[in-house]
C-alpha cells in the first residue's frame, strides 16, 4: 500500500493527492497529468500497485483539467521544478525534447530496462524525437469517423466503409441529407480538423510536416478547402454556424450527438463518451482514404523530467505502467487502448460496455492496416493547429476564398514554426 493515506483536495484548477513528508529511507516521486476524477482514481490505483511491490516508493500526484495544464507545466519548466513523471501529448513533445526537459530513454529501451517490444513499432517511433526515445505512449488511439448507425439504417443507406474516398463520402453524405429532407446533414465539415487534413495528405503520399517545415503547399491546402466548399454547396454538410460550434473538442457539441450531422471526425476512444449523449447507436469507421495513411498514435505520453534525482526509478515506473497486466486492467480504456498489445488483448476481454467494445475492436482491427508513423510534430504545432481552424472557418463563413485562406495560413504557419 502507499506509505500514507491519500487525501484528495479539489478545486476548479485541479487536484492533488498529498503524500506527506517521506520517511527516512523512502523515495517520493512527483507525478502530474491532466484529466478528470475517473482518471485520477484509476491512475492512483495503478501507482498504488507499484508501491505495494516497492514499499520504499511513494507518489505525490497532481492532476487537473486539460485547460491550463500546459500553462502550469511551462511555469514549472521555467522554474526547473517539473514533476519527475508527467503526461504530455504530441502538441508539445518535440518542443520539450528540444528544450532538454525530457529524460532521454534511448539507452534504457536499447537495454530493455524500459521494454517496448510489446508495442507496435510505429507507436514506439511516435515517442522519438531526432532518433531518441523521450516518451512512452500511455495508450494508443486512432482517428475515427463516428457515425450514427441507427439513423443510417432508418434512412436505408449503406454504412460508410473503410477505404472509401472523400468524394465517395461526400456523395454518401449528400444522399443522406436528401433522404432526411434536410433535417440532418450527411457529415461534419472537417476542414478545420488538423488530423483529417494530415490523413488526407498522407493518402496522397504527402506529409503535414517535413522536418521543421510544412510538408504541403498552398495548392494542396486550397484543394482541401475546395473539397469542403463543394460539400457545402451540395448540402452534404451543415451551415457554417453549426459547424463552427463543433470545431471545438467538446464532445457534447459534436454534430453526431446533437443530431445536426450523421458523422463526426473524432478519436476512436471517444465513442463511449459520445454514446452517452444520444439514444441512437453510434459506430466507427476509419477516416476516408487509404487506411495506411493512419498510424498507431499515442493518445498521450508519459515522460520523465531530465532533472529528476531518480532517473532509474522513473524508468522502472514507466516500465511498470507500460507492461504490467494488472495495471492494464485497472486503467482499462480511460486514456485509450493499452499501448502493449498483449496487455491490450487481456483488457479487451474484460470490457462489458458495448461502446467500449466497439471502440476497442475498431482499434485492434486497424492495427494491421496502419502505415509507418511520421515523426512527432515540430515545435509550434499547437499554434499551427489554431491557425488552421481560423483559416478553415474563414472559408466556411465565406469571408475568404479557399486560396486566400490557404495563402494566409501558410504564411502565418511558416512564421510560427520558425519562431
Protein backbone atom coordinates (compact mmCIF):
# COMPACT_ATOMS: atom_id res chain seq x y z
CA UNK A 1 0.00 0.00 0.00
CA UNK A 2 1.01 3.63 -0.25
CA UNK A 3 3.01 4.74 2.75
CA UNK A 4 0.35 7.21 3.88
CA UNK A 5 -3.40 7.60 3.43
CA UNK A 6 -4.34 9.61 0.35
CA UNK A 7 -6.32 12.80 0.83
CA UNK A 8 -7.82 14.39 -2.26
CA UNK A 9 -8.33 18.13 -2.23
CA UNK A 10 -10.22 19.53 -5.18
CA UNK A 11 -10.64 22.89 -6.82
CA UNK A 12 -11.53 24.47 -10.13
CA UNK A 13 -7.99 24.17 -11.42
CA UNK A 14 -7.09 20.69 -10.30
CA UNK A 15 -6.50 18.21 -7.54
CA UNK A 16 -3.56 16.99 -5.53
CA UNK A 17 -3.01 13.86 -3.51
CA UNK A 18 -0.86 14.84 -0.58
CA UNK A 19 1.67 12.15 0.31
CA UNK A 20 3.14 13.92 3.34
CA UNK A 21 6.81 14.10 4.21
CA UNK A 22 8.69 10.98 3.08
CA UNK A 23 10.02 8.89 5.92
CA UNK A 24 13.73 8.19 6.15
CA UNK A 25 14.76 5.64 3.54
CA UNK A 26 11.71 6.32 1.40
CA UNK A 27 11.66 7.91 -2.04
CA UNK A 28 8.90 10.20 -3.25
CA UNK A 29 8.23 10.67 -6.96
CA UNK A 30 6.03 13.53 -8.15
CA UNK A 31 3.54 12.75 -10.94
CA UNK A 32 1.42 15.21 -12.94
CA UNK A 33 -1.29 14.68 -15.57
CA UNK A 34 -4.44 16.19 -17.00
CA UNK A 35 -7.81 14.51 -16.85
CA UNK A 36 -10.91 14.12 -14.75
CA UNK A 37 -11.83 12.46 -11.49
CA UNK A 38 -12.12 8.99 -13.01
CA UNK A 39 -8.63 9.18 -14.50
CA UNK A 40 -7.30 10.35 -11.15
CA UNK A 41 -8.84 7.43 -9.32
CA UNK A 42 -7.60 4.82 -11.79
CA UNK A 43 -4.10 6.28 -12.10
CA UNK A 44 -3.83 6.46 -8.33
CA UNK A 45 -4.75 2.77 -8.12
CA UNK A 46 -2.11 1.89 -10.73
CA UNK A 47 0.60 3.78 -8.86
CA UNK A 48 -0.52 2.15 -5.64
CA UNK A 49 0.13 -1.25 -7.21
CA UNK A 50 3.72 -0.19 -7.77
CA UNK A 51 4.08 0.92 -4.16
CA UNK A 52 2.71 -2.41 -2.95
CA UNK A 53 5.60 -4.12 -4.75
CA UNK A 54 8.08 -1.38 -3.82
CA UNK A 55 7.14 -0.14 -0.32
CA UNK A 56 10.03 2.34 -0.25
CA UNK A 57 8.46 4.34 -3.10
CA UNK A 58 5.54 6.70 -2.69
CA UNK A 59 3.98 9.16 -5.13
CA UNK A 60 2.92 12.77 -4.80
CA UNK A 61 0.38 13.20 -7.56
CA UNK A 62 -1.15 16.34 -9.03
CA UNK A 63 -3.80 16.48 -11.72
CA UNK A 64 -6.11 18.98 -13.34
CA UNK A 65 -8.29 19.52 -16.38
CA UNK A 66 -6.75 19.97 -19.81
CA UNK A 67 -7.40 23.72 -19.83
CA UNK A 68 -4.39 25.45 -18.32
CA UNK A 69 -2.36 22.26 -18.00
CA UNK A 70 0.42 23.37 -20.32
CA UNK A 71 0.48 26.85 -18.82
CA UNK A 72 1.17 25.25 -15.47
CA UNK A 73 3.75 22.89 -16.96
CA UNK A 74 5.51 25.82 -18.65
CA UNK A 75 5.67 27.67 -15.33
CA UNK A 76 7.18 24.60 -13.69
CA UNK A 77 9.68 24.24 -16.53
CA UNK A 78 10.74 27.86 -16.20
CA UNK A 79 11.47 27.25 -12.52
CA UNK A 80 13.23 23.95 -13.15
CA UNK A 81 10.80 22.07 -10.92
CA UNK A 82 8.83 19.89 -13.32
CA UNK A 83 7.48 16.68 -11.71
CA UNK A 84 9.56 13.53 -12.03
CA UNK A 85 6.93 11.91 -14.24
CA UNK A 86 4.30 13.76 -16.24
CA UNK A 87 1.80 13.46 -19.05
CA UNK A 88 2.40 15.17 -22.39
CA UNK A 89 0.94 14.97 -25.91
CA UNK A 90 2.28 15.36 -29.42
CA UNK A 91 1.47 19.07 -29.49
CA UNK A 92 4.39 19.73 -27.14
CA UNK A 93 6.57 16.60 -27.21
CA UNK A 94 9.14 17.93 -29.68
CA UNK A 95 9.29 21.35 -28.04
CA UNK A 96 10.02 19.90 -24.60
CA UNK A 97 12.55 17.46 -26.05
CA UNK A 98 14.41 20.23 -27.87
CA UNK A 99 14.46 22.30 -24.68
CA UNK A 100 16.14 19.31 -22.99
CA UNK A 101 13.39 19.00 -20.41
CA UNK A 102 12.58 15.35 -21.16
CA UNK A 103 14.57 12.42 -19.82
CA UNK A 104 16.37 10.57 -22.63
CA UNK A 105 15.11 6.98 -22.50
CA UNK A 106 17.03 5.66 -25.52
CA UNK A 107 19.62 3.56 -23.71
CA UNK A 108 17.02 2.19 -21.33
CA UNK A 109 14.98 0.99 -24.31
CA UNK A 110 18.03 -0.49 -26.03
CA UNK A 111 18.90 -2.45 -22.88
CA UNK A 112 15.24 -3.39 -22.19
CA UNK A 113 15.14 -1.72 -18.80
CA UNK A 114 12.25 0.02 -20.47
CA UNK A 115 10.76 -2.81 -22.50
CA UNK A 116 8.83 -1.54 -25.51
CA UNK A 117 8.94 -4.77 -27.50
CA UNK A 118 5.25 -5.36 -26.87
CA UNK A 119 4.23 -2.08 -28.56
CA UNK A 120 3.57 -1.61 -32.28
CA UNK A 121 6.75 -0.33 -33.89
CA UNK A 122 5.06 2.82 -35.19
CA UNK A 123 3.83 3.60 -31.66
CA UNK A 124 7.39 3.34 -30.34
CA UNK A 125 8.60 5.60 -33.16
CA UNK A 126 5.96 8.18 -32.32
CA UNK A 127 7.71 8.72 -28.98
CA UNK A 128 11.04 9.54 -30.62
CA UNK A 129 12.46 12.97 -31.41
CA UNK A 130 15.60 13.15 -33.57
CA UNK A 131 16.09 9.42 -33.13
CA UNK A 132 15.97 9.49 -29.33
CA UNK A 133 13.17 7.95 -27.28
CA UNK A 134 11.89 10.69 -25.00
CA UNK A 135 8.42 9.43 -24.08
CA UNK A 136 6.29 6.30 -23.96
CA UNK A 137 2.72 6.06 -25.17
CA UNK A 138 0.38 5.99 -22.18
CA UNK A 139 -2.20 4.50 -24.55
CA UNK A 140 -2.91 4.18 -28.24
CA UNK A 141 -5.65 5.95 -30.11
CA UNK A 142 -6.82 6.14 -33.69
CA UNK A 143 -8.60 8.87 -35.58
CA UNK A 144 -12.07 7.62 -36.46
CA UNK A 145 -15.20 8.85 -38.16
CA UNK A 146 -18.05 8.26 -35.73
CA UNK A 147 -21.38 7.79 -37.48
CA UNK A 148 -24.99 7.38 -36.43
CA UNK A 149 -25.59 3.75 -37.35
CA UNK A 150 -29.22 3.80 -36.24
CA UNK A 151 -30.03 6.81 -38.44
CA UNK A 152 -28.23 5.33 -41.42
CA UNK A 153 -30.32 2.18 -41.10
CA UNK A 154 -33.57 4.14 -40.74
CA UNK A 155 -32.80 6.01 -43.94
CA UNK A 156 -31.94 2.81 -45.81
CA UNK A 157 -28.37 3.82 -46.60
CA UNK A 158 -25.32 1.55 -46.53
CA UNK A 159 -22.86 2.24 -43.73
CA UNK A 160 -19.67 4.11 -44.63
CA UNK A 161 -16.77 1.74 -45.23
CA UNK A 162 -13.04 1.60 -44.59
CA UNK A 163 -11.18 2.83 -47.64
CA UNK A 164 -13.96 4.92 -49.16
CA UNK A 165 -12.62 8.07 -50.79
CA UNK A 166 -13.51 11.61 -49.76
CA UNK A 167 -15.58 12.16 -52.94
CA UNK A 168 -17.44 8.94 -52.13
CA UNK A 169 -18.06 10.17 -48.59
CA UNK A 170 -19.43 13.46 -49.88
CA UNK A 171 -21.72 11.65 -52.36
CA UNK A 172 -22.96 9.45 -49.50
CA UNK A 173 -23.42 12.46 -47.21
CA UNK A 174 -25.35 14.46 -49.82
CA UNK A 175 -27.65 11.47 -50.32
CA UNK A 176 -28.24 11.22 -46.57
CA UNK A 177 -29.12 14.92 -46.37
CA UNK A 178 -31.68 14.45 -49.15
CA UNK A 179 -33.19 11.32 -47.57
CA UNK A 180 -33.60 13.11 -44.25
CA UNK A 181 -35.37 16.01 -46.03
CA UNK A 182 -32.56 18.30 -44.92
CA UNK A 183 -33.16 17.62 -41.21
CA UNK A 184 -29.72 16.02 -40.79
CA UNK A 185 -26.62 16.76 -42.85
CA UNK A 186 -24.62 13.79 -44.01
CA UNK A 187 -21.29 14.73 -42.47
CA UNK A 188 -19.44 17.17 -40.31
CA UNK A 189 -17.26 19.60 -42.26
CA UNK A 190 -13.73 18.69 -41.08
CA UNK A 191 -11.90 21.44 -42.98
CA UNK A 192 -10.58 22.77 -39.65
CA UNK A 193 -9.59 19.32 -38.35
CA UNK A 194 -5.81 19.04 -38.43
CA UNK A 195 -5.79 15.26 -38.11
CA UNK A 196 -8.24 14.92 -41.03
CA UNK A 197 -6.05 17.14 -43.20
CA UNK A 198 -2.97 15.16 -42.17
CA UNK A 199 -4.57 11.85 -43.17
CA UNK A 200 -5.80 13.34 -46.45
CA UNK A 201 -2.27 14.49 -47.24
CA UNK A 202 -0.79 11.08 -46.37
CA UNK A 203 -3.31 9.42 -48.70
CA UNK A 204 -1.58 11.42 -51.42
CA UNK A 205 1.94 10.47 -50.26
CA UNK A 206 2.50 13.83 -48.63
CA UNK A 207 3.05 14.79 -45.01
CA UNK A 208 1.85 17.59 -42.80
CA UNK A 209 5.45 18.33 -41.84
CA UNK A 210 8.85 17.81 -43.37
CA UNK A 211 11.26 18.35 -40.53
CA UNK A 212 10.53 21.74 -39.02
CA UNK A 213 8.60 22.97 -42.05
CA UNK A 214 5.20 22.32 -43.54
CA UNK A 215 5.18 19.39 -45.92
CA UNK A 216 2.47 20.72 -48.23
CA UNK A 217 1.87 23.71 -50.48
CA UNK A 218 -0.71 26.44 -50.85
CA UNK A 219 -2.16 24.45 -53.76
CA UNK A 220 -2.58 21.39 -51.54
CA UNK A 221 -4.44 23.29 -48.84
CA UNK A 222 -6.53 25.09 -51.44
CA UNK A 223 -7.59 21.68 -52.74
CA UNK A 224 -8.58 20.60 -49.23
CA UNK A 225 -10.67 23.72 -48.66
CA UNK A 226 -12.23 23.42 -52.14
CA UNK A 227 -13.24 19.83 -51.38
CA UNK A 228 -15.35 21.01 -48.44
CA UNK A 229 -16.63 24.05 -50.27
CA UNK A 230 -18.10 21.67 -52.83
CA UNK A 231 -19.58 19.58 -50.00
CA UNK A 232 -21.25 22.70 -48.57
CA UNK A 233 -22.70 23.61 -51.96
CA UNK A 234 -24.14 20.11 -52.23
CA UNK A 235 -25.55 20.37 -48.68
CA UNK A 236 -23.54 17.34 -47.62
CA UNK A 237 -22.50 19.39 -44.55
CA UNK A 238 -24.39 21.81 -42.28
CA UNK A 239 -24.07 25.57 -42.44
CA UNK A 240 -21.10 27.48 -41.09
CA UNK A 241 -22.70 28.49 -37.78
CA UNK A 242 -23.48 24.88 -36.89
CA UNK A 243 -20.06 23.64 -37.97
CA UNK A 244 -18.20 26.31 -36.02
CA UNK A 245 -19.82 25.18 -32.77
CA UNK A 246 -18.45 21.69 -33.40
CA UNK A 247 -14.90 22.81 -34.25
CA UNK A 248 -14.06 22.57 -30.55
CA UNK A 249 -13.04 19.32 -28.87
CA UNK A 250 -16.11 19.36 -26.61
CA UNK A 251 -17.86 16.01 -27.18
CA UNK A 252 -21.24 17.46 -26.20
CA UNK A 253 -21.07 19.79 -29.22
CA UNK A 254 -20.23 17.15 -31.79
CA UNK A 255 -22.81 17.03 -34.55
CA UNK A 256 -23.22 13.26 -34.44
CA UNK A 257 -24.75 13.61 -30.95
CA UNK A 258 -26.55 16.95 -31.39
CA UNK A 259 -28.38 15.48 -34.38
CA UNK A 260 -27.06 18.07 -36.85
CA UNK A 261 -24.95 15.59 -38.87
CA UNK A 262 -24.66 11.84 -39.27
CA UNK A 263 -20.89 11.77 -38.80
CA UNK A 264 -18.21 13.49 -36.73
CA UNK A 265 -14.43 13.28 -37.14
CA UNK A 266 -13.16 12.19 -33.73
CA UNK A 267 -10.87 9.75 -31.88
CA UNK A 268 -11.86 6.10 -31.51
CA UNK A 269 -11.67 6.15 -27.71
CA UNK A 270 -14.28 8.94 -27.61
CA UNK A 271 -17.06 6.63 -28.79
CA UNK A 272 -18.20 5.62 -25.27
CA UNK A 273 -18.37 9.26 -24.18
CA UNK A 274 -20.22 10.31 -27.34
CA UNK A 275 -22.67 7.44 -26.93
CA UNK A 276 -23.77 8.88 -23.57
CA UNK A 277 -25.31 11.88 -25.33
CA UNK A 278 -27.55 10.13 -27.84
CA UNK A 279 -30.06 7.29 -27.82
CA UNK A 280 -29.12 6.32 -31.37
CA UNK A 281 -26.46 3.65 -31.68
CA UNK A 282 -23.14 5.03 -32.91
CA UNK A 283 -20.34 3.17 -34.64
CA UNK A 284 -16.86 3.78 -36.05
CA UNK A 285 -15.11 3.69 -39.39
CA UNK A 286 -11.70 4.97 -40.41
CA UNK A 287 -11.25 8.38 -41.98
CA UNK A 288 -11.77 8.29 -45.74
CA UNK A 289 -8.82 7.35 -47.95
CA UNK A 290 -6.22 4.63 -47.71
CA UNK A 291 -6.23 3.31 -44.12
CA UNK A 292 -2.43 3.01 -44.39
CA UNK A 293 -2.41 6.81 -44.13
CA UNK A 294 -3.24 6.30 -40.46
CA UNK A 295 -0.74 5.15 -37.86
CA UNK A 296 -0.59 3.98 -34.27
CA UNK A 297 -0.75 7.24 -32.38
CA UNK A 298 -0.15 7.90 -28.75
CA UNK A 299 -3.30 9.36 -27.25
CA UNK A 300 -0.83 10.90 -24.80
CA UNK A 301 2.58 10.02 -23.40
CA UNK A 302 4.32 9.51 -20.10
CA UNK A 303 7.63 11.35 -19.96
CA UNK A 304 10.29 11.80 -17.30
CA UNK A 305 11.97 15.02 -16.22
CA UNK A 306 15.61 15.20 -17.26
CA UNK A 307 16.45 16.85 -13.95
CA UNK A 308 14.90 14.15 -11.77
CA UNK A 309 17.03 12.92 -8.89
CA UNK A 310 15.76 9.38 -9.51
CA UNK A 311 16.09 8.61 -13.25
CA UNK A 312 16.41 4.83 -12.81
CA UNK A 313 13.29 4.75 -10.66
CA UNK A 314 11.36 6.86 -13.16
CA UNK A 315 12.30 4.37 -15.89
CA UNK A 316 11.18 1.46 -13.71
CA UNK A 317 7.81 3.10 -13.06
CA UNK A 318 7.41 3.76 -16.79
CA UNK A 319 8.18 0.12 -17.50
CA UNK A 320 5.62 -0.95 -14.89
CA UNK A 321 2.86 1.29 -16.27
CA UNK A 322 3.58 0.05 -19.80
CA UNK A 323 3.87 -3.69 -19.28
CA UNK A 324 2.10 -4.76 -16.08
CA UNK A 325 -1.10 -6.69 -16.80
CA UNK A 326 -2.83 -5.69 -13.57
CA UNK A 327 -2.10 -2.02 -14.31
CA UNK A 328 -3.69 -2.55 -17.71
CA UNK A 329 -6.81 -3.99 -16.13
CA UNK A 330 -7.04 -1.10 -13.67
CA UNK A 331 -6.60 1.65 -16.26
CA UNK A 332 -8.87 -0.02 -18.82
CA UNK A 333 -9.50 2.26 -21.81
CA UNK A 334 -9.61 5.55 -19.89
CA UNK A 335 -6.68 7.01 -21.84
CA UNK A 336 -7.29 4.86 -24.90
CA UNK A 337 -6.28 1.27 -25.64
CA UNK A 338 -3.27 -0.09 -23.80
CA UNK A 339 -0.09 0.51 -25.77
CA UNK A 340 1.18 -3.01 -25.07
CA UNK A 341 -0.58 -5.38 -27.49
CA UNK A 342 -0.51 -8.40 -25.13
CA UNK A 343 -1.94 -6.40 -22.25
CA UNK A 344 -4.47 -4.85 -24.62
CA UNK A 345 -5.87 -8.25 -25.59
CA UNK A 346 -6.32 -9.22 -21.95
CA UNK A 347 -8.00 -5.91 -21.12
CA UNK A 348 -10.28 -6.18 -24.14
CA UNK A 349 -11.67 -9.46 -22.80
CA UNK A 350 -12.86 -7.69 -19.64
CA UNK A 351 -14.80 -4.89 -21.35
CA UNK A 352 -18.57 -5.01 -20.82
CA UNK A 353 -19.76 -1.64 -22.17
CA UNK A 354 -20.88 -2.14 -25.81
CA UNK A 355 -19.47 1.20 -26.94
CA UNK A 356 -16.12 0.40 -25.34
CA UNK A 357 -16.17 -3.00 -27.03
CA UNK A 358 -16.78 -1.40 -30.43
CA UNK A 359 -14.05 1.16 -29.81
CA UNK A 360 -11.53 -1.50 -28.81
CA UNK A 361 -12.47 -3.81 -31.68
CA UNK A 362 -12.05 -0.98 -34.17
CA UNK A 363 -8.61 -0.04 -32.85
CA UNK A 364 -7.43 -3.65 -32.84
CA UNK A 365 -8.82 -4.23 -36.32
CA UNK A 366 -6.99 -1.19 -37.67
CA UNK A 367 -3.60 -2.15 -36.23
CA UNK A 368 -2.52 -4.31 -39.18
CA UNK A 369 -3.65 -1.64 -41.64
CA UNK A 370 -1.52 1.17 -40.18
CA UNK A 371 1.27 2.73 -42.17
CA UNK A 372 4.55 3.95 -40.73
CA UNK A 373 4.46 6.73 -38.19
CA UNK A 374 5.77 10.19 -39.07
CA UNK A 375 7.95 11.97 -36.53
CA UNK A 376 6.00 13.80 -33.81
CA UNK A 377 5.04 17.33 -34.86
CA UNK A 378 7.70 20.05 -34.51
CA UNK A 379 7.70 22.90 -32.06
CA UNK A 380 4.92 25.34 -32.87
CA UNK A 381 2.39 22.64 -33.76
CA UNK A 382 -0.21 23.88 -31.28
CA UNK A 383 -0.12 27.32 -32.92
CA UNK A 384 -0.36 25.76 -36.39
CA UNK A 385 -3.47 23.85 -35.36
CA UNK A 386 -5.12 27.06 -34.13
CA UNK A 387 -4.21 28.83 -37.38
CA UNK A 388 -5.83 26.04 -39.41
CA UNK A 389 -9.09 26.47 -37.51
CA UNK A 390 -9.04 30.21 -38.22
CA UNK A 391 -8.34 29.69 -41.93
CA UNK A 392 -10.94 26.95 -42.33
CA UNK A 393 -13.63 28.96 -40.57
CA UNK A 394 -12.92 31.88 -42.90
CA UNK A 395 -13.76 29.61 -45.85
CA UNK A 396 -16.76 28.05 -44.11
CA UNK A 397 -18.21 31.51 -43.46
CA UNK A 398 -17.41 32.77 -46.97
CA UNK A 399 -15.10 35.53 -45.73
CA UNK A 400 -12.13 34.24 -47.74
CA UNK A 401 -11.72 32.12 -50.85
CA UNK A 402 -10.00 28.78 -50.45
CA UNK A 403 -6.81 30.10 -52.00
CA UNK A 404 -6.74 33.31 -49.95
CA UNK A 405 -7.28 31.36 -46.72
CA UNK A 406 -4.61 28.82 -47.69
CA UNK A 407 -2.12 31.54 -48.57
CA UNK A 408 -2.69 33.33 -45.28
CA UNK A 409 -2.39 30.09 -43.33
CA UNK A 410 0.92 29.04 -44.89
CA UNK A 411 2.46 32.47 -44.30
CA UNK A 412 1.46 32.51 -40.63
CA UNK A 413 2.26 28.84 -40.05
CA UNK A 414 5.76 29.24 -41.51
CA UNK A 415 6.32 32.11 -39.10
CA UNK A 416 5.05 30.07 -36.14
CA UNK A 417 7.36 27.17 -36.97
CA UNK A 418 10.43 29.36 -37.39
CA UNK A 419 9.94 31.46 -34.26
